[in-house]
Amino acid sequence: MDSVRTQIYLPKEIYRKLKERGKTLNKSLAEQIREALGQYLSPDKKTEAETDDSIWQIVGKASSGTGDLAKNHDKYLYGWEK
């Protein structure tokens, strides 16, 4: 693995929790951070909001076929012309 050394500042509470978790999982601080960043940057990984909120299940299920819906939503909802 080609690596780059970097330095970051962590809030004390996050640092403390990572150190405690590291003891439990037998993982270094650096290993935990690399794993977390790998998951964060994974394109297949759903965000917490997308997995916890059922509203995300309907996103993309329908299409109006209208290309200017965001711009002219008042026109389509209420018949108001700009």
PDB file of N, CA and C in Angstrom:
ATOM      1  N   MET A   1       0.850  -1.177   0.000  1.00  0.00           N
ATOM      2  CA  MET A   1       0.000   0.000   0.000  1.00  0.00           C
ATOM      3  C   MET A   1       0.896   1.242   0.000  1.00  0.00           C
ATOM      4  N   ASP A   2       0.668   2.113  -0.938  1.00  0.00           N
ATOM      5  CA  ASP A   2       1.394   3.380  -1.000  1.00  0.00           C
ATOM      6  C   ASP A   2       0.733   4.342  -0.018  1.00  0.00           C
ATOM      7  N   SER A   3       1.483   4.850   0.922  1.00  0.00           N
ATOM      8  CA  SER A   3       0.915   5.672   1.993  1.00  0.00           C
ATOM      9  C   SER A   3       1.530   7.061   2.020  1.00  0.00           C
ATOM     10  N   VAL A   4       0.780   7.974   2.600  1.00  0.00           N
ATOM     11  CA  VAL A   4       1.241   9.338   2.836  1.00  0.00           C
ATOM     12  C   VAL A   4       1.054   9.624   4.316  1.00  0.00           C
ATOM     13  N   ARG A   5       2.074  10.099   4.947  1.00  0.00           N
ATOM     14  CA  ARG A   5       1.975  10.446   6.367  1.00  0.00           C
ATOM     15  C   ARG A   5       1.288  11.805   6.489  1.00  0.00           C
ATOM     16  N   THR A   6       0.366  11.891   7.440  1.00  0.00           N
ATOM     17  CA  THR A   6      -0.343  13.150   7.673  1.00  0.00           C
ATOM     18  C   THR A   6      -0.561  13.322   9.169  1.00  0.00           C
ATOM     19  N   GLN A   7      -0.904  14.529   9.545  1.00  0.00           N
ATOM     20  CA  GLN A   7      -1.162  14.830  10.948  1.00  0.00           C
ATOM     21  C   GLN A   7      -2.518  15.509  11.035  1.00  0.00           C
ATOM     22  N   ILE A   8      -3.331  15.093  12.002  1.00  0.00           N
ATOM     23  CA  ILE A   8      -4.646  15.702  12.195  1.00  0.00           C
ATOM     24  C   ILE A   8      -4.831  16.063  13.664  1.00  0.00           C
ATOM     25  N   TYR A   9      -5.751  16.965  13.903  1.00  0.00           N
ATOM     26  CA  TYR A   9      -6.141  17.320  15.266  1.00  0.00           C
ATOM     27  C   TYR A   9      -7.535  16.758  15.505  1.00  0.00           C
ATOM     28  N   LEU A  10      -7.700  16.073  16.626  1.00  0.00           N
ATOM     29  CA  LEU A  10      -8.983  15.491  16.998  1.00  0.00           C
ATOM     30  C   LEU A  10      -9.475  16.130  18.286  1.00  0.00           C
ATOM     31  N   PRO A  11     -10.784  16.297  18.404  1.00  0.00           N
ATOM     32  CA  PRO A  11     -11.310  16.721  19.705  1.00  0.00           C
ATOM     33  C   PRO A  11     -10.944  15.665  20.755  1.00  0.00           C
ATOM     34  N   LYS A  12     -10.677  16.104  21.976  1.00  0.00           N
ATOM     35  CA  LYS A  12     -10.237  15.190  23.035  1.00  0.00           C
ATOM     36  C   LYS A  12     -11.206  14.040  23.253  1.00  0.00           C
ATOM     37  N   GLU A  13     -12.494  14.317  23.173  1.00  0.00           N
ATOM     38  CA  GLU A  13     -13.496  13.279  23.412  1.00  0.00           C
ATOM     39  C   GLU A  13     -13.446  12.196  22.327  1.00  0.00           C
ATOM     40  N   ILE A  14     -13.275  12.591  21.072  1.00  0.00           N
ATOM     41  CA  ILE A  14     -13.168  11.613  19.988  1.00  0.00           C
ATOM     42  C   ILE A  14     -11.892  10.792  20.153  1.00  0.00           C
ATOM     43  N   TYR A  15     -10.805  11.452  20.485  1.00  0.00           N
ATOM     44  CA  TYR A  15      -9.539  10.757  20.715  1.00  0.00           C
ATOM     45  C   TYR A  15      -9.693   9.718  21.831  1.00  0.00           C
ATOM     46  N   ARG A  16     -10.319  10.124  22.923  1.00  0.00           N
ATOM     47  CA  ARG A  16     -10.513   9.226  24.060  1.00  0.00           C
ATOM     48  C   ARG A  16     -11.351   8.009  23.650  1.00  0.00           C
ATOM     49  N   LYS A  17     -12.431   8.249  22.926  1.00  0.00           N
ATOM     50  CA  LYS A  17     -13.306   7.149  22.502  1.00  0.00           C
ATOM     51  C   LYS A  17     -12.584   6.202  21.547  1.00  0.00           C
ATOM     52  N   LEU A  18     -11.793   6.753  20.636  1.00  0.00           N
ATOM     53  CA  LEU A  18     -11.035   5.906  19.715  1.00  0.00           C
ATOM     54  C   LEU A  18      -9.998   5.058  20.452  1.00  0.00           C
ATOM     55  N   LYS A  19      -9.341   5.642  21.455  1.00  0.00           N
ATOM     56  CA  LYS A  19      -8.357   4.890  22.233  1.00  0.00           C
ATOM     57  C   LYS A  19      -9.039   3.745  22.991  1.00  0.00           C
ATOM     58  N   GLU A  20     -10.198   4.014  23.597  1.00  0.00           N
ATOM     59  CA  GLU A  20     -10.942   2.974  24.311  1.00  0.00           C
ATOM     60  C   GLU A  20     -11.398   1.880  23.349  1.00  0.00           C
ATOM     61  N   ARG A  21     -11.923   2.281  22.223  1.00  0.00           N
ATOM     62  CA  ARG A  21     -12.405   1.333  21.208  1.00  0.00           C
ATOM     63  C   ARG A  21     -11.233   0.508  20.673  1.00  0.00           C
ATOM     64  N   GLY A  22     -10.092   1.144  20.514  1.00  0.00           N
ATOM     65  CA  GLY A  22      -8.899   0.453  20.037  1.00  0.00           C
ATOM     66  C   GLY A  22      -8.465  -0.667  20.964  1.00  0.00           C
ATOM     67  N   LYS A  23      -8.587  -0.436  22.253  1.00  0.00           N
ATOM     68  CA  LYS A  23      -8.235  -1.476  23.228  1.00  0.00           C
ATOM     69  C   LYS A  23      -9.188  -2.662  23.101  1.00  0.00           C
ATOM     70  N   THR A  24     -10.472  -2.367  22.936  1.00  0.00           N
ATOM     71  CA  THR A  24     -11.477  -3.415  22.811  1.00  0.00           C
ATOM     72  C   THR A  24     -11.284  -4.225  21.529  1.00  0.00           C
ATOM     73  N   LEU A  25     -11.020  -3.523  20.420  1.00  0.00           N
ATOM     74  CA  LEU A  25     -10.894  -4.182  19.117  1.00  0.00           C
ATOM     75  C   LEU A  25      -9.467  -4.580  18.769  1.00  0.00           C
ATOM     76  N   ASN A  26      -8.542  -4.222  19.630  1.00  0.00           N
ATOM     77  CA  ASN A  26      -7.118  -4.460  19.380  1.00  0.00           C
ATOM     78  C   ASN A  26      -6.682  -3.818  18.055  1.00  0.00           C
ATOM     79  N   LYS A  27      -7.074  -2.563  17.877  1.00  0.00           N
ATOM     80  CA  LYS A  27      -6.728  -1.808  16.671  1.00  0.00           C
ATOM     81  C   LYS A  27      -6.100  -0.479  17.072  1.00  0.00           C
ATOM     82  N   SER A  28      -5.134  -0.043  16.287  1.00  0.00           N
ATOM     83  CA  SER A  28      -4.492   1.239  16.555  1.00  0.00           C
ATOM     84  C   SER A  28      -5.427   2.387  16.184  1.00  0.00           C
ATOM     85  N   LEU A  29      -5.097   3.547  16.684  1.00  0.00           N
ATOM     86  CA  LEU A  29      -5.832   4.755  16.343  1.00  0.00           C
ATOM     87  C   LEU A  29      -5.793   4.981  14.834  1.00  0.00           C
ATOM     88  N   ALA A  30      -4.625   4.848  14.241  1.00  0.00           N
ATOM     89  CA  ALA A  30      -4.465   5.066  12.805  1.00  0.00           C
ATOM     90  C   ALA A  30      -5.297   4.072  11.993  1.00  0.00           C
ATOM     91  N   GLU A  31      -5.313   2.823  12.415  1.00  0.00           N
ATOM     92  CA  GLU A  31      -6.072   1.799  11.698  1.00  0.00           C
ATOM     93  C   GLU A  31      -7.566   2.109  11.725  1.00  0.00           C
ATOM     94  N   GLN A  32      -8.061   2.538  12.878  1.00  0.00           N
ATOM     95  CA  GLN A  32      -9.474   2.892  12.991  1.00  0.00           C
ATOM     96  C   GLN A  32      -9.823   4.075  12.094  1.00  0.00           C
ATOM     97  N   ILE A  33      -8.960   5.067  12.065  1.00  0.00           N
ATOM     98  CA  ILE A  33      -9.204   6.259  11.249  1.00  0.00           C
ATOM     99  C   ILE A  33      -9.177   5.890   9.767  1.00  0.00           C
ATOM    100  N   ARG A  34      -8.207   5.062   9.344  1.00  0.00           N
ATOM    101  CA  ARG A  34      -8.150   4.633   7.941  1.00  0.00           C
ATOM    102  C   ARG A  34      -9.413   3.875   7.550  1.00  0.00           C
ATOM    103  N   GLU A  35      -9.868   2.961   8.415  1.00  0.00           N
ATOM    104  CA  GLU A  35     -11.086   2.199   8.126  1.00  0.00           C
ATOM    105  C   GLU A  35     -12.301   3.115   8.025  1.00  0.00           C
ATOM    106  N   ALA A  36     -12.415   4.055   8.951  1.00  0.00           N
ATOM    107  CA  ALA A  36     -13.553   4.974   8.956  1.00  0.00           C
ATOM    108  C   ALA A  36     -13.558   5.841   7.700  1.00  0.00           C
ATOM    109  N   LEU A  37     -12.398   6.343   7.313  1.00  0.00           N
ATOM    110  CA  LEU A  37     -12.317   7.166   6.107  1.00  0.00           C
ATOM    111  C   LEU A  37     -12.591   6.343   4.853  1.00  0.00           C
ATOM    112  N   GLY A  38     -12.141   5.108   4.836  1.00  0.00           N
ATOM    113  CA  GLY A  38     -12.429   4.230   3.702  1.00  0.00           C
ATOM    114  C   GLY A  38     -13.918   4.007   3.536  1.00  0.00           C
ATOM    115  N   GLN A  39     -14.626   3.796   4.637  1.00  0.00           N
ATOM    116  CA  GLN A  39     -16.079   3.629   4.588  1.00  0.00           C
ATOM    117  C   GLN A  39     -16.761   4.926   4.174  1.00  0.00           C
ATOM    118  N   TYR A  40     -16.291   6.035   4.699  1.00  0.00           N
ATOM    119  CA  TYR A  40     -16.864   7.355   4.392  1.00  0.00           C
ATOM    120  C   TYR A  40     -16.755   7.662   2.906  1.00  0.00           C
ATOM    121  N   LEU A  41     -15.659   7.281   2.295  1.00  0.00           N
ATOM    122  CA  LEU A  41     -15.418   7.588   0.889  1.00  0.00           C
ATOM    123  C   LEU A  41     -15.923   6.513  -0.066  1.00  0.00           C
ATOM    124  N   SER A  42     -16.454   5.417   0.451  1.00  0.00           N
ATOM    125  CA  SER A  42     -16.957   4.340  -0.392  1.00  0.00           C
ATOM    126  C   SER A  42     -18.228   4.782  -1.116  1.00  0.00           C
ATOM    127  N   PRO A  43     -18.254   4.662  -2.459  1.00  0.00           N
ATOM    128  CA  PRO A  43     -19.450   5.097  -3.203  1.00  0.00           C
ATOM    129  C   PRO A  43     -20.663   4.212  -2.939  1.00  0.00           C
ATOM    130  N   ASP A  44     -20.449   2.989  -2.469  1.00  0.00           N
ATOM    131  CA  ASP A  44     -21.553   2.071  -2.208  1.00  0.00           C
ATOM    132  C   ASP A  44     -22.152   2.246  -0.825  1.00  0.00           C
ATOM    133  N   LYS A  45     -21.490   3.041  -0.009  1.00  0.00           N
ATOM    134  CA  LYS A  45     -21.926   3.214   1.367  1.00  0.00           C
ATOM    135  C   LYS A  45     -23.072   4.221   1.436  1.00  0.00           C
ATOM    136  N   LYS A  46     -24.187   3.826   2.015  1.00  0.00           N
ATOM    137  CA  LYS A  46     -25.319   4.726   2.214  1.00  0.00           C
ATOM    138  C   LYS A  46     -25.053   5.595   3.432  1.00  0.00           C
ATOM    139  N   THR A  47     -25.560   6.814   3.402  1.00  0.00           N
ATOM    140  CA  THR A  47     -25.414   7.675   4.564  1.00  0.00           C
ATOM    141  C   THR A  47     -26.370   7.219   5.657  1.00  0.00           C
ATOM    142  N   GLU A  48     -26.135   7.659   6.863  1.00  0.00           N
ATOM    143  CA  GLU A  48     -26.996   7.287   7.984  1.00  0.00           C
ATOM    144  C   GLU A  48     -28.433   7.729   7.726  1.00  0.00           C
ATOM    145  N   ALA A  49     -28.610   8.918   7.166  1.00  0.00           N
ATOM    146  CA  ALA A  49     -29.953   9.420   6.876  1.00  0.00           C
ATOM    147  C   ALA A  49     -30.656   8.537   5.848  1.00  0.00           C
ATOM    148  N   GLU A  50     -29.924   8.082   4.845  1.00  0.00           N
ATOM    149  CA  GLU A  50     -30.530   7.254   3.805  1.00  0.00           C
ATOM    150  C   GLU A  50     -30.936   5.883   4.333  1.00  0.00           C
ATOM    151  N   THR A  51     -30.246   5.364   5.314  1.00  0.00           N
ATOM    152  CA  THR A  51     -30.592   4.043   5.825  1.00  0.00           C
ATOM    153  C   THR A  51     -31.629   4.110   6.937  1.00  0.00           C
ATOM    154  N   ASP A  52     -31.673   5.200   7.690  1.00  0.00           N
ATOM    155  CA  ASP A  52     -32.584   5.296   8.824  1.00  0.00           C
ATOM    156  C   ASP A  52     -33.940   5.910   8.486  1.00  0.00           C
ATOM    157  N   ASP A  53     -34.024   6.690   7.448  1.00  0.00           N
ATOM    158  CA  ASP A  53     -35.248   7.412   7.132  1.00  0.00           C
ATOM    159  C   ASP A  53     -35.933   6.779   5.919  1.00  0.00           C
ATOM    160  N   SER A  54     -37.152   6.277   6.110  1.00  0.00           N
ATOM    161  CA  SER A  54     -37.850   5.571   5.038  1.00  0.00           C
ATOM    162  C   SER A  54     -38.194   6.473   3.857  1.00  0.00           C
ATOM    163  N   ILE A  55     -38.154   7.786   4.021  1.00  0.00           N
ATOM    164  CA  ILE A  55     -38.451   8.689   2.908  1.00  0.00           C
ATOM    165  C   ILE A  55     -37.465   8.480   1.764  1.00  0.00           C
ATOM    166  N   TRP A  56     -36.225   8.071   2.088  1.00  0.00           N
ATOM    167  CA  TRP A  56     -35.211   7.867   1.054  1.00  0.00           C
ATOM    168  C   TRP A  56     -35.540   6.688   0.145  1.00  0.00           C
ATOM    169  N   GLN A  57     -36.445   5.832   0.567  1.00  0.00           N
ATOM    170  CA  GLN A  57     -36.816   4.681  -0.254  1.00  0.00           C
ATOM    171  C   GLN A  57     -37.635   5.097  -1.479  1.00  0.00           C
ATOM    172  N   ILE A  58     -38.262   6.282  -1.435  1.00  0.00           N
ATOM    173  CA  ILE A  58     -39.065   6.713  -2.580  1.00  0.00           C
ATOM    174  C   ILE A  58     -38.315   7.660  -3.515  1.00  0.00           C
ATOM    175  N   VAL A  59     -37.134   8.098  -3.105  1.00  0.00           N
ATOM    176  CA  VAL A  59     -36.362   9.016  -3.937  1.00  0.00           C
ATOM    177  C   VAL A  59     -36.012   8.341  -5.254  1.00  0.00           C
ATOM    178  N   GLY A  60     -36.331   9.033  -6.346  1.00  0.00           N
ATOM    179  CA  GLY A  60     -36.010   8.532  -7.677  1.00  0.00           C
ATOM    180  C   GLY A  60     -37.018   7.549  -8.231  1.00  0.00           C
ATOM    181  N   LYS A  61     -38.103   7.281  -7.513  1.00  0.00           N
ATOM    182  CA  LYS A  61     -39.104   6.305  -7.967  1.00  0.00           C
ATOM    183  C   LYS A  61     -40.041   6.879  -9.022  1.00  0.00           C
ATOM    184  N   ALA A  62     -40.135   8.189  -9.101  1.00  0.00           N
ATOM    185  CA  ALA A  62     -41.063   8.802 -10.053  1.00  0.00           C
ATOM    186  C   ALA A  62     -40.377   9.961 -10.770  1.00  0.00           C
ATOM    187  N   SER A  63     -40.886  10.275 -11.927  1.00  0.00           N
ATOM    188  CA  SER A  63     -40.349  11.399 -12.691  1.00  0.00           C
ATOM    189  C   SER A  63     -41.505  12.160 -13.317  1.00  0.00           C
ATOM    190  N   SER A  64     -41.430  13.483 -13.290  1.00  0.00           N
ATOM    191  CA  SER A  64     -42.482  14.296 -13.890  1.00  0.00           C
ATOM    192  C   SER A  64     -42.283  14.415 -15.391  1.00  0.00           C
ATOM    193  N   GLY A  65     -41.042  14.180 -15.839  1.00  0.00           N
ATOM    194  CA  GLY A  65     -40.751  14.361 -17.249  1.00  0.00           C
ATOM    195  C   GLY A  65     -40.587  15.831 -17.609  1.00  0.00           C
ATOM    196  N   THR A  66     -40.736  16.695 -16.620  1.00  0.00           N
ATOM    197  CA  THR A  66     -40.607  18.132 -16.830  1.00  0.00           C
ATOM    198  C   THR A  66     -39.222  18.568 -16.394  1.00  0.00           C
ATOM    199  N   GLY A  67     -38.471  19.157 -17.297  1.00  0.00           N
ATOM    200  CA  GLY A  67     -37.099  19.522 -17.007  1.00  0.00           C
ATOM    201  C   GLY A  67     -36.930  20.764 -16.162  1.00  0.00           C
ATOM    202  N   ASP A  68     -37.958  21.604 -16.064  1.00  0.00           N
ATOM    203  CA  ASP A  68     -37.814  22.862 -15.328  1.00  0.00           C
ATOM    204  C   ASP A  68     -38.658  22.887 -14.052  1.00  0.00           C
ATOM    205  N   LEU A  69     -38.953  21.732 -13.515  1.00  0.00           N
ATOM    206  CA  LEU A  69     -39.834  21.637 -12.354  1.00  0.00           C
ATOM    207  C   LEU A  69     -39.286  22.391 -11.140  1.00  0.00           C
ATOM    208  N   ALA A  70     -38.003  22.289 -10.877  1.00  0.00           N
ATOM    209  CA  ALA A  70     -37.429  22.973  -9.719  1.00  0.00           C
ATOM    210  C   ALA A  70     -37.530  24.484  -9.874  1.00  0.00           C
ATOM    211  N   LYS A  71     -37.283  24.960 -11.069  1.00  0.00           N
ATOM    212  CA  LYS A  71     -37.302  26.401 -11.323  1.00  0.00           C
ATOM    213  C   LYS A  71     -38.724  26.952 -11.345  1.00  0.00           C
ATOM    214  N   ASN A  72     -39.650  26.229 -11.941  1.00  0.00           N
ATOM    215  CA  ASN A  72     -41.025  26.732 -12.129  1.00  0.00           C
ATOM    216  C   ASN A  72     -42.050  25.939 -11.322  1.00  0.00           C
ATOM    217  N   HIS A  73     -41.683  25.511 -10.138  1.00  0.00           N
ATOM    218  CA  HIS A  73     -42.596  24.699  -9.338  1.00  0.00           C
ATOM    219  C   HIS A  73     -43.905  25.408  -9.007  1.00  0.00           C
ATOM    220  N   ASP A  74     -43.873  26.723  -8.773  1.00  0.00           N
ATOM    221  CA  ASP A  74     -45.117  27.458  -8.485  1.00  0.00           C
ATOM    222  C   ASP A  74     -46.086  27.380  -9.658  1.00  0.00           C
ATOM    223  N   LYS A  75     -45.566  27.441 -10.849  1.00  0.00           N
ATOM    224  CA  LYS A  75     -46.400  27.347 -12.049  1.00  0.00           C
ATOM    225  C   LYS A  75     -47.124  26.001 -12.089  1.00  0.00           C
ATOM    226  N   TYR A  76     -46.404  24.932 -11.799  1.00  0.00           N
ATOM    227  CA  TYR A  76     -46.996  23.601 -11.881  1.00  0.00           C
ATOM    228  C   TYR A  76     -47.883  23.279 -10.682  1.00  0.00           C
ATOM    229  N   LEU A  77     -47.543  23.802  -9.521  1.00  0.00           N
ATOM    230  CA  LEU A  77     -48.345  23.519  -8.328  1.00  0.00           C
ATOM    231  C   LEU A  77     -49.588  24.406  -8.233  1.00  0.00           C
ATOM    232  N   TYR A  78     -49.406  25.704  -8.532  1.00  0.00           N
ATOM    233  CA  TYR A  78     -50.480  26.668  -8.283  1.00  0.00           C
ATOM    234  C   TYR A  78     -50.947  27.399  -9.525  1.00  0.00           C
ATOM    235  N   GLY A  79     -50.297  27.202 -10.638  1.00  0.00           N
ATOM    236  CA  GLY A  79     -50.667  27.910 -11.859  1.00  0.00           C
ATOM    237  C   GLY A  79     -50.157  29.335 -11.910  1.00  0.00           C
ATOM    238  N   TRP A  80     -49.232  29.681 -11.027  1.00  0.00           N
ATOM    239  CA  TRP A  80     -48.682  31.038 -10.984  1.00  0.00           C
ATOM    240  C   TRP A  80     -47.591  31.190 -12.016  1.00  0.00           C
ATOM    241  N   GLU A  81     -47.698  32.197 -12.817  1.00  0.00           N
ATOM    242  CA  GLU A  81     -46.641  32.524 -13.780  1.00  0.00           C
ATOM    243  C   GLU A  81     -45.700  33.538 -13.144  1.00  0.00           C
ATOM    244  N   LYS A  82     -44.449  33.490 -13.494  1.00  0.00           N
ATOM    245  CA  LYS A  82     -43.484  34.454 -12.953  1.00  0.00           C
ATOM    246  C   LYS A  82     -43.565  35.741 -13.724  1.00  0.00           C
TER     247      LYS A  82
END
